[in-house]
C-alpha cells in the first residue's frame, strides 16, 4: 500500500476512536465480535483511503505537468514564440485542412488545379468558422435528410445532391431569397409552376418538403440530361440553364471549374461540396452531435379533408388532436390562418385518432367528411341528411355506415353534428 499522508492518518485515528466509543456505549459484551468488526471497518477504510491517496497523487502530477506547460507557454510567448503546443497546433491544422481527395456525385474534384483548391478551401473555411450554423445544419439533417435520401435513391440520383438543400435554404421551409425563391429547394415562382408546385393566395407548395422534393428531382434530372455533368447542372440550377449554355458557347469551355459565371454561381457548387465534406464527417472537424441530439423527423399522417366553408386552422387542428402552432409546423405550405371551402390534403399528427379522444368533444364540425387512408370516410351529418341519402351520395349500402359519434349508436335517427364511419370498399 502506498504511503498515507499524516492528515489521513489523523482521520483514521479519529474514526477508530469513534468506533470504540460507539461500541463501548452500546454495551456489547463480546470482545471478539467487537474486535472483528473494528478490524473489518478499518481494512475497508484503509482501502478507500489508499485509492483516494493514489488519485490525489495522480492529480498532483497532472497539476505539476500543466503548471510546467503553462509556464513554458508564457515564456515562449514572452520571447515571441507560438502560444500553442505542437500537439494542439497539429490537431487544429487537421481540422482546418481539406482532404487530399474529394469527390462529388461520384466524380473526383480536380484539387490539383490551384484555383480549384483555393476556391473550395475558401468556402470550406467560411463554413467551419460559423460553428453555430454548422451545428444547426447537423441537427436538421436528422429531421429532413432521411426523406430526401430516400427520394434521391428512388429517382436514381446521386445521394450528394441532398447537400443542395443545405446551401439553398439551410433546411428551412421558411427560407426566402431576395429574388423570391422559397422553401427547402428555393424554387422561384415560374419554375415552381412549371414543375407542378401549387402556389396561390393561401398555399405555397414550394415550402412543403415532400412536394418540393418531388419537383426538385424532376428538375435535376432534366438539367443533368442537358449538361451530362453535375457541376454544370447545379450551376444551371442556380442561375438558369440559358445563362450557363451562353457562357459555355461564348467562352468555348465545357467544364464548370474553368467557366466564368456570375460570382454567386462560381461559388455555388463549391459551397455544396464544402457542406458535404463537413457534414459527412463532422467529428473530423470538431463537431460532435450524437443521434439523440439530432432533430427527429416529423411524425404525421396525410388525410384529405373536405371543408364546407372557410375554416380557421385552429378548428381544423382541433379536429385532429393538434393545435394551431403544431399544425402550421406540419403544413408550412399553408400561408393563411384559414383554408377555403373544398378538399385539401393535410398533414396531421400520427395517431391523431387517439389524441382526439383526449380533447373535449364538439357538437358541430365545420367539415362534411374526412377521407381516411383505409378506404373509409368520416362524415359529419348536416341538417336535412338521412342515412339513405348519405349512402346514395357515397354509392354504398346502408350496411357500410355506422355511427361513431352521436347521441346513441342507432342509425334509426341521425342529428346534425353526429359523425358516421362510411366504408367505401
Protein backbone atom coordinates (compact mmCIF):
# COMPACT_ATOMS: atom_id res chain seq x y z
CA UNK A 1 0.00 0.00 0.00
CA UNK A 2 1.22 3.49 -0.88
CA UNK A 3 2.40 5.90 1.81
CA UNK A 4 -0.51 7.58 3.60
CA UNK A 5 -0.25 11.28 4.40
CA UNK A 6 -0.26 12.46 8.08
CA UNK A 7 -3.63 14.18 7.63
CA UNK A 8 -5.25 10.94 6.51
CA UNK A 9 -3.67 9.05 9.41
CA UNK A 10 -5.23 11.51 11.84
CA UNK A 11 -8.60 10.94 10.20
CA UNK A 12 -8.15 7.18 10.64
CA UNK A 13 -7.36 7.57 14.36
CA UNK A 14 -10.38 9.80 14.84
CA UNK A 15 -12.56 7.27 13.08
CA UNK A 16 -11.25 4.42 15.22
CA UNK A 17 -11.90 6.41 18.38
CA UNK A 18 -15.46 6.97 17.27
CA UNK A 19 -15.89 3.26 16.59
CA UNK A 20 -14.58 2.36 20.07
CA UNK A 21 -16.86 4.93 21.64
CA UNK A 22 -19.87 3.56 19.84
CA UNK A 23 -19.03 0.01 20.80
CA UNK A 24 -18.44 0.97 24.42
CA UNK A 25 -21.65 2.91 24.69
CA UNK A 26 -23.66 0.11 23.12
CA UNK A 27 -22.73 -2.20 25.98
CA UNK A 28 -21.57 -5.04 23.74
CA UNK A 29 -20.32 -7.97 25.82
CA UNK A 30 -18.45 -9.90 23.14
CA UNK A 31 -14.86 -8.54 22.79
CA UNK A 32 -14.09 -10.94 19.93
CA UNK A 33 -17.03 -9.68 17.85
CA UNK A 34 -16.13 -6.09 18.63
CA UNK A 35 -12.53 -6.62 17.57
CA UNK A 36 -13.57 -8.37 14.32
CA UNK A 37 -15.99 -5.60 13.45
CA UNK A 38 -13.41 -2.89 14.06
CA UNK A 39 -10.82 -4.82 12.06
CA UNK A 40 -13.17 -5.15 9.05
CA UNK A 41 -14.13 -1.49 9.16
CA UNK A 42 -10.51 -0.44 9.43
CA UNK A 43 -9.48 -2.56 6.41
CA UNK A 44 -12.31 -1.11 4.36
CA UNK A 45 -11.47 2.42 5.37
CA UNK A 46 -7.74 2.00 4.69
CA UNK A 47 -8.53 0.52 1.28
CA UNK A 48 -10.64 3.53 0.35
CA UNK A 49 -8.02 5.90 1.72
CA UNK A 50 -5.39 4.15 -0.40
CA UNK A 51 -7.49 4.67 -3.52
CA UNK A 52 -8.07 8.29 -2.61
CA UNK A 53 -4.38 8.80 -1.95
CA UNK A 54 -3.48 7.34 -5.35
CA UNK A 55 -5.96 9.64 -7.03
CA UNK A 56 -4.56 12.67 -5.19
CA UNK A 57 -1.03 11.73 -6.23
CA UNK A 58 -2.11 11.43 -9.87
CA UNK A 59 -3.86 14.80 -9.80
CA UNK A 60 -0.82 16.42 -8.20
CA UNK A 61 1.35 15.05 -11.02
CA UNK A 62 -1.10 16.32 -13.62
CA UNK A 63 -1.15 19.71 -11.94
CA UNK A 64 2.66 19.89 -11.99
CA UNK A 65 2.70 18.93 -15.68
CA UNK A 66 0.07 21.53 -16.51
CA UNK A 67 1.91 24.16 -14.49
CA UNK A 68 5.16 23.43 -16.35
CA UNK A 69 3.29 23.59 -19.71
CA UNK A 70 1.65 26.93 -18.88
CA UNK A 71 4.94 28.34 -17.62
CA UNK A 72 6.68 27.27 -20.82
CA UNK A 73 3.90 28.74 -22.95
CA UNK A 74 4.17 32.05 -21.12
CA UNK A 75 7.96 32.06 -21.52
CA UNK A 76 7.70 31.19 -25.22
CA UNK A 77 5.13 33.89 -25.77
CA UNK A 78 7.33 36.40 -23.96
CA UNK A 79 10.16 35.53 -26.35
CA UNK A 80 7.83 35.92 -29.35
CA UNK A 81 7.20 32.20 -29.71
CA UNK A 82 3.93 30.39 -30.51
CA UNK A 83 1.29 30.11 -27.84
CA UNK A 84 0.00 26.61 -28.71
CA UNK A 85 1.98 23.39 -28.19
CA UNK A 86 2.84 21.24 -31.20
CA UNK A 87 0.13 18.65 -30.48
CA UNK A 88 -2.63 21.27 -30.33
CA UNK A 89 -1.36 23.02 -33.43
CA UNK A 90 -1.29 19.76 -35.37
CA UNK A 91 -4.83 18.92 -34.29
CA UNK A 92 -6.16 22.31 -35.31
CA UNK A 93 -4.26 22.15 -38.59
CA UNK A 94 -6.03 18.89 -39.47
CA UNK A 95 -9.40 20.37 -38.56
CA UNK A 96 -8.93 23.24 -41.00
CA UNK A 97 -7.35 21.25 -43.82
CA UNK A 98 -9.21 19.93 -46.84
CA UNK A 99 -8.97 16.19 -47.53
CA UNK A 100 -6.42 15.37 -50.21
CA UNK A 101 -9.06 13.59 -52.27
CA UNK A 102 -12.59 14.96 -52.64
CA UNK A 103 -15.38 13.57 -54.80
CA UNK A 104 -18.86 14.83 -55.52
CA UNK A 105 -21.63 12.88 -57.25
CA UNK A 106 -19.09 10.11 -57.92
CA UNK A 107 -16.71 12.47 -59.72
CA UNK A 108 -13.32 13.50 -58.38
CA UNK A 109 -12.78 17.22 -57.81
CA UNK A 110 -9.60 18.47 -59.59
CA UNK A 111 -7.86 19.84 -56.50
CA UNK A 112 -4.51 19.70 -58.31
CA UNK A 113 -5.58 22.90 -60.06
CA UNK A 114 -4.53 25.70 -57.73
CA UNK A 115 -7.61 27.84 -58.32
CA UNK A 116 -9.98 24.93 -57.72
CA UNK A 117 -8.28 24.08 -54.43
CA UNK A 118 -8.27 27.73 -53.38
CA UNK A 119 -11.95 28.30 -54.20
CA UNK A 120 -13.06 25.15 -52.37
CA UNK A 121 -10.78 25.86 -49.41
CA UNK A 122 -12.27 29.35 -49.05
CA UNK A 123 -15.85 28.05 -48.85
CA UNK A 124 -14.77 25.19 -46.60
CA UNK A 125 -13.10 27.55 -44.12
CA UNK A 126 -16.00 30.01 -44.23
CA UNK A 127 -18.37 27.24 -43.12
CA UNK A 128 -16.02 25.92 -40.44
CA UNK A 129 -15.71 29.22 -38.59
CA UNK A 130 -19.52 29.56 -38.42
CA UNK A 131 -19.83 26.73 -35.90
CA UNK A 132 -23.31 27.67 -34.73
CA UNK A 133 -24.66 27.36 -38.26
CA UNK A 134 -22.94 24.04 -38.93
CA UNK A 135 -24.33 22.57 -35.70
CA UNK A 136 -27.86 23.62 -36.68
CA UNK A 137 -27.36 22.08 -40.12
CA UNK A 138 -26.27 18.83 -38.49
CA UNK A 139 -29.29 18.77 -36.20
CA UNK A 140 -31.71 19.48 -39.05
CA UNK A 141 -30.28 16.70 -41.21
CA UNK A 142 -31.79 14.20 -38.77
CA UNK A 143 -35.19 15.75 -39.40
CA UNK A 144 -35.19 16.13 -43.18
CA UNK A 145 -32.38 14.10 -44.80
CA UNK A 146 -33.98 10.65 -44.36
CA UNK A 147 -36.84 11.55 -46.71
CA UNK A 148 -34.60 13.37 -49.21
CA UNK A 149 -32.14 10.44 -49.28
CA UNK A 150 -34.99 8.01 -49.89
CA UNK A 151 -36.36 10.05 -52.79
CA UNK A 152 -32.92 10.54 -54.38
CA UNK A 153 -32.36 6.80 -54.24
CA UNK A 154 -35.79 6.12 -55.71
CA UNK A 155 -35.10 8.56 -58.55
CA UNK A 156 -31.66 7.04 -59.23
CA UNK A 157 -29.91 10.33 -58.44
CA UNK A 158 -26.62 10.77 -56.50
CA UNK A 159 -27.02 10.97 -52.75
CA UNK A 160 -24.71 14.01 -52.65
CA UNK A 161 -27.49 16.15 -54.13
CA UNK A 162 -29.08 16.32 -50.69
CA UNK A 163 -26.46 18.94 -49.77
CA UNK A 164 -28.07 21.31 -52.26
CA UNK A 165 -30.74 21.97 -49.62
CA UNK A 166 -28.05 22.99 -47.12
CA UNK A 167 -26.74 25.76 -49.36
CA UNK A 168 -30.14 26.74 -50.73
CA UNK A 169 -32.13 27.01 -47.52
CA UNK A 170 -30.21 25.58 -44.56
CA UNK A 171 -33.06 23.03 -44.46
CA UNK A 172 -35.62 25.70 -43.54
CA UNK A 173 -39.10 25.72 -45.08
CA UNK A 174 -39.40 29.44 -44.30
CA UNK A 175 -36.28 30.43 -46.27
CA UNK A 176 -36.97 33.12 -48.88
CA UNK A 177 -34.37 34.79 -51.11
CA UNK A 178 -34.25 38.37 -52.33
CA UNK A 179 -35.23 37.04 -55.77
CA UNK A 180 -38.39 35.47 -54.35
CA UNK A 181 -37.15 31.86 -54.29
CA UNK A 182 -38.79 29.93 -51.45
CA UNK A 183 -38.65 26.71 -49.47
CA UNK A 184 -36.17 23.90 -48.99
CA UNK A 185 -35.09 23.78 -52.65
CA UNK A 186 -35.58 27.52 -53.30
CA UNK A 187 -37.84 27.41 -56.33
CA UNK A 188 -38.76 30.71 -57.95
CA UNK A 189 -42.43 31.07 -58.79
CA UNK A 190 -42.15 30.30 -62.52
CA UNK A 191 -40.03 27.17 -62.01
CA UNK A 192 -42.35 26.01 -59.24
CA UNK A 193 -45.34 26.42 -61.54
CA UNK A 194 -43.55 24.51 -64.30
CA UNK A 195 -42.90 21.54 -62.02
CA UNK A 196 -46.40 21.38 -60.57
CA UNK A 197 -45.94 23.19 -57.26
CA UNK A 198 -49.28 24.81 -56.48
CA UNK A 199 -49.00 28.47 -55.45
CA UNK A 200 -51.96 30.67 -54.66
CA UNK A 201 -53.18 33.15 -52.06
CA UNK A 202 -53.29 30.57 -49.28
CA UNK A 203 -50.93 27.77 -50.39
CA UNK A 204 -47.27 27.65 -51.46
CA UNK A 205 -46.10 24.10 -52.06
CA UNK A 206 -42.53 25.31 -52.57
CA UNK A 207 -42.38 25.25 -48.76
CA UNK A 208 -43.66 21.68 -48.49
CA UNK A 209 -40.66 19.36 -48.20
CA UNK A 210 -42.47 16.46 -49.85
CA UNK A 211 -43.98 18.26 -52.84
CA UNK A 212 -40.89 20.42 -53.46
CA UNK A 213 -38.53 17.44 -53.25
CA UNK A 214 -40.51 15.65 -55.95
CA UNK A 215 -40.29 18.75 -58.12
CA UNK A 216 -36.56 19.10 -57.44
CA UNK A 217 -35.95 15.50 -58.52
CA UNK A 218 -37.60 16.21 -61.88
CA UNK A 219 -35.74 19.48 -62.37
CA UNK A 220 -32.34 17.99 -61.50
CA UNK A 221 -32.94 15.06 -63.83
CA UNK A 222 -33.77 17.49 -66.63
CA UNK A 223 -30.64 19.59 -66.01
CA UNK A 224 -28.36 16.56 -65.94
CA UNK A 225 -29.93 15.38 -69.18
CA UNK A 226 -29.00 18.74 -70.72
CA UNK A 227 -25.40 19.04 -69.46
CA UNK A 228 -24.38 15.44 -68.63
CA UNK A 229 -22.25 16.87 -65.82
CA UNK A 230 -23.39 17.50 -62.26
CA UNK A 231 -21.36 20.66 -61.51
CA UNK A 232 -22.70 22.28 -64.71
CA UNK A 233 -26.23 21.04 -63.93
CA UNK A 234 -26.06 22.59 -60.46
CA UNK A 235 -24.68 25.83 -61.86
CA UNK A 236 -27.75 25.91 -64.11
CA UNK A 237 -29.94 25.18 -61.08
CA UNK A 238 -28.51 28.32 -59.51
CA UNK A 239 -28.52 30.83 -62.38
CA UNK A 240 -30.58 29.19 -65.13
CA UNK A 241 -29.70 26.80 -67.91
CA UNK A 242 -29.72 29.52 -70.56
CA UNK A 243 -27.04 31.57 -68.83
CA UNK A 244 -24.77 28.55 -68.38
CA UNK A 245 -25.23 27.49 -72.01
CA UNK A 246 -24.42 31.01 -73.25
CA UNK A 247 -21.30 31.16 -71.09
CA UNK A 248 -20.13 27.78 -72.39
CA UNK A 249 -20.69 28.86 -76.00
CA UNK A 250 -19.04 32.29 -75.64
CA UNK A 251 -16.01 31.02 -73.72
CA UNK A 252 -15.58 27.71 -75.52
CA UNK A 253 -15.47 25.94 -72.16
CA UNK A 254 -17.41 22.83 -71.10
CA UNK A 255 -16.07 22.50 -67.55
CA UNK A 256 -17.66 24.21 -64.55
CA UNK A 257 -14.32 24.75 -62.83
CA UNK A 258 -12.95 26.71 -65.79
CA UNK A 259 -16.12 28.57 -66.67
CA UNK A 260 -16.61 32.25 -65.81
CA UNK A 261 -20.09 32.70 -64.38
CA UNK A 262 -21.84 35.17 -62.05
CA UNK A 263 -19.92 35.38 -58.77
CA UNK A 264 -22.69 33.66 -56.80
CA UNK A 265 -22.79 30.75 -59.26
CA UNK A 266 -18.99 30.41 -59.29
CA UNK A 267 -19.16 29.89 -55.52
CA UNK A 268 -22.35 27.83 -55.53
CA UNK A 269 -21.05 24.34 -56.37
CA UNK A 270 -18.01 24.81 -54.12
CA UNK A 271 -20.35 25.63 -51.23
CA UNK A 272 -22.29 22.42 -51.81
CA UNK A 273 -19.06 20.37 -51.92
CA UNK A 274 -17.77 22.09 -48.75
CA UNK A 275 -21.04 21.31 -46.98
CA UNK A 276 -20.69 17.66 -47.98
CA UNK A 277 -17.10 17.48 -46.70
CA UNK A 278 -18.02 18.80 -43.26
CA UNK A 279 -21.43 17.18 -42.72
CA UNK A 280 -20.37 13.75 -43.96
CA UNK A 281 -17.53 13.58 -41.40
CA UNK A 282 -18.36 16.16 -38.71
CA UNK A 283 -16.19 14.72 -35.93
CA UNK A 284 -13.07 15.24 -38.02
CA UNK A 285 -13.80 18.95 -37.94
CA UNK A 286 -14.72 19.22 -34.27
CA UNK A 287 -18.50 18.78 -34.42
CA UNK A 288 -19.77 16.07 -32.06
CA UNK A 289 -23.53 15.61 -32.39
CA UNK A 290 -24.86 12.19 -31.43
CA UNK A 291 -28.13 10.80 -32.78
CA UNK A 292 -30.02 11.62 -29.59
CA UNK A 293 -29.34 15.33 -30.15
CA UNK A 294 -30.46 15.34 -33.79
CA UNK A 295 -33.84 16.90 -34.52
CA UNK A 296 -36.23 13.95 -35.12
CA UNK A 297 -38.29 13.58 -38.32
CA UNK A 298 -41.88 14.78 -38.11
CA UNK A 299 -44.35 12.03 -37.26
CA UNK A 300 -47.52 12.61 -39.26
CA UNK A 301 -50.29 11.11 -41.36
CA UNK A 302 -51.79 12.57 -44.51
CA UNK A 303 -55.56 13.00 -44.62
CA UNK A 304 -57.92 14.57 -47.12
CA UNK A 305 -60.48 16.88 -45.56
CA UNK A 306 -63.46 18.45 -47.32
CA UNK A 307 -64.44 21.80 -45.85
CA UNK A 308 -67.99 23.01 -46.32
CA UNK A 309 -66.86 26.60 -45.70
CA UNK A 310 -63.78 28.67 -44.99
CA UNK A 311 -62.35 27.28 -41.73
CA UNK A 312 -59.72 28.61 -39.33
CA UNK A 313 -56.67 26.40 -38.84
CA UNK A 314 -57.23 26.23 -35.09
CA UNK A 315 -60.54 24.44 -35.72
CA UNK A 316 -59.00 22.02 -38.22
CA UNK A 317 -56.10 21.35 -35.87
CA UNK A 318 -58.51 20.61 -33.00
CA UNK A 319 -60.34 18.06 -35.15
CA UNK A 320 -57.11 16.06 -35.39
CA UNK A 321 -55.99 16.32 -31.79
CA UNK A 322 -53.49 19.06 -32.59
CA UNK A 323 -53.13 22.80 -32.01
CA UNK A 324 -52.53 25.80 -34.25
CA UNK A 325 -48.74 26.04 -33.92
CA UNK A 326 -48.11 22.31 -34.46
CA UNK A 327 -50.47 22.30 -37.43
CA UNK A 328 -48.54 25.16 -39.03
CA UNK A 329 -45.23 23.36 -38.46
CA UNK A 330 -46.54 20.21 -40.11
CA UNK A 331 -48.00 22.23 -43.01
CA UNK A 332 -45.59 25.13 -43.68
CA UNK A 333 -47.02 25.45 -47.19
CA UNK A 334 -50.25 26.95 -45.79
CA UNK A 335 -49.83 30.72 -45.95
CA UNK A 336 -53.02 31.94 -44.25
CA UNK A 337 -54.87 31.39 -40.97
CA UNK A 338 -57.84 29.77 -42.72
CA UNK A 339 -58.45 27.30 -45.52
CA UNK A 340 -61.16 27.92 -48.12
CA UNK A 341 -64.05 25.55 -48.75
CA UNK A 342 -63.05 22.48 -50.74
CA UNK A 343 -60.94 19.33 -50.43
CA UNK A 344 -57.43 19.65 -49.01
CA UNK A 345 -54.68 17.11 -48.31
CA UNK A 346 -53.15 17.91 -44.93
CA UNK A 347 -50.51 16.50 -42.59
CA UNK A 348 -51.80 15.75 -39.09
CA UNK A 349 -50.12 14.19 -36.03
CA UNK A 350 -49.53 10.46 -36.26
CA UNK A 351 -52.08 8.58 -34.18
CA UNK A 352 -54.44 11.55 -34.22
CA UNK A 353 -57.45 9.33 -33.50
CA UNK A 354 -56.14 8.65 -30.01
CA UNK A 355 -55.25 12.31 -29.50
CA UNK A 356 -58.79 13.37 -30.40
CA UNK A 357 -60.20 11.18 -27.63
CA UNK A 358 -58.30 13.24 -25.04
CA UNK A 359 -59.90 16.52 -26.18
CA UNK A 360 -63.34 17.92 -25.30
CA UNK A 361 -65.92 16.74 -27.83
CA UNK A 362 -67.57 19.31 -30.10
CA UNK A 363 -71.18 19.06 -31.16
CA UNK A 364 -70.77 20.73 -34.58
CA UNK A 365 -67.97 20.22 -37.07
CA UNK A 366 -67.06 22.54 -39.94
CA UNK A 367 -66.40 19.64 -42.31
CA UNK A 368 -68.60 17.43 -44.42
CA UNK A 369 -66.28 14.46 -44.37
CA UNK A 370 -62.70 13.31 -43.95
CA UNK A 371 -61.22 10.71 -46.28
CA UNK A 372 -59.10 8.17 -44.44
CA UNK A 373 -56.20 6.15 -45.86
CA UNK A 374 -58.01 2.83 -45.36
CA UNK A 375 -60.84 3.36 -47.88
CA UNK A 376 -63.18 4.79 -45.30
CA UNK A 377 -64.75 8.20 -44.69
CA UNK A 378 -65.66 10.04 -41.52
CA UNK A 379 -68.78 12.03 -42.38
CA UNK A 380 -70.38 14.76 -40.30
CA UNK A 381 -74.17 14.84 -40.52
CA UNK A 382 -75.68 18.07 -41.86
CA UNK A 383 -79.25 19.41 -41.48
CA UNK A 384 -81.59 17.59 -43.86
CA UNK A 385 -79.43 14.45 -44.10
CA UNK A 386 -80.80 10.93 -43.92
CA UNK A 387 -78.95 7.60 -43.86
CA UNK A 388 -80.30 6.59 -47.27
CA UNK A 389 -79.36 9.96 -48.75
CA UNK A 390 -75.81 9.67 -47.41
CA UNK A 391 -75.49 6.10 -48.70
CA UNK A 392 -76.61 7.25 -52.13
CA UNK A 393 -74.19 10.19 -52.06
CA UNK A 394 -71.21 7.88 -51.49
CA UNK A 395 -72.52 4.93 -53.55
CA UNK A 396 -72.53 2.48 -50.65
CA UNK A 397 -75.16 0.38 -48.92
CA UNK A 398 -76.60 1.39 -45.55
CA UNK A 399 -74.80 -1.62 -44.01
CA UNK A 400 -71.50 0.15 -44.81
CA UNK A 401 -72.40 3.00 -42.45
CA UNK A 402 -72.16 3.09 -38.68
CA UNK A 403 -72.30 5.85 -36.12
CA UNK A 404 -69.06 6.65 -34.30
CA UNK A 405 -70.11 9.83 -32.52
CA UNK A 406 -73.67 10.73 -31.57
CA UNK A 407 -76.46 10.52 -29.04
CA UNK A 408 -76.78 6.75 -29.46
CA UNK A 409 -75.26 4.10 -31.80
CA UNK A 410 -78.50 3.50 -33.69
CA UNK A 411 -78.88 4.77 -37.26
CA UNK A 412 -82.66 4.98 -36.92
CA UNK A 413 -82.28 8.69 -36.20
CA UNK A 414 -79.32 10.91 -37.02
CA UNK A 415 -78.73 14.51 -35.98
CA UNK A 416 -76.57 17.35 -37.35
CA UNK A 417 -73.05 17.23 -35.93
CA UNK A 418 -73.01 13.46 -35.39
CA UNK A 419 -70.23 11.53 -37.11
CA UNK A 420 -70.61 8.46 -39.29
CA UNK A 421 -67.98 6.00 -40.50
CA UNK A 422 -68.56 5.07 -44.14
CA UNK A 423 -66.65 2.12 -45.58
CA UNK A 424 -66.31 2.74 -49.33
CA UNK A 425 -64.76 -0.63 -50.27
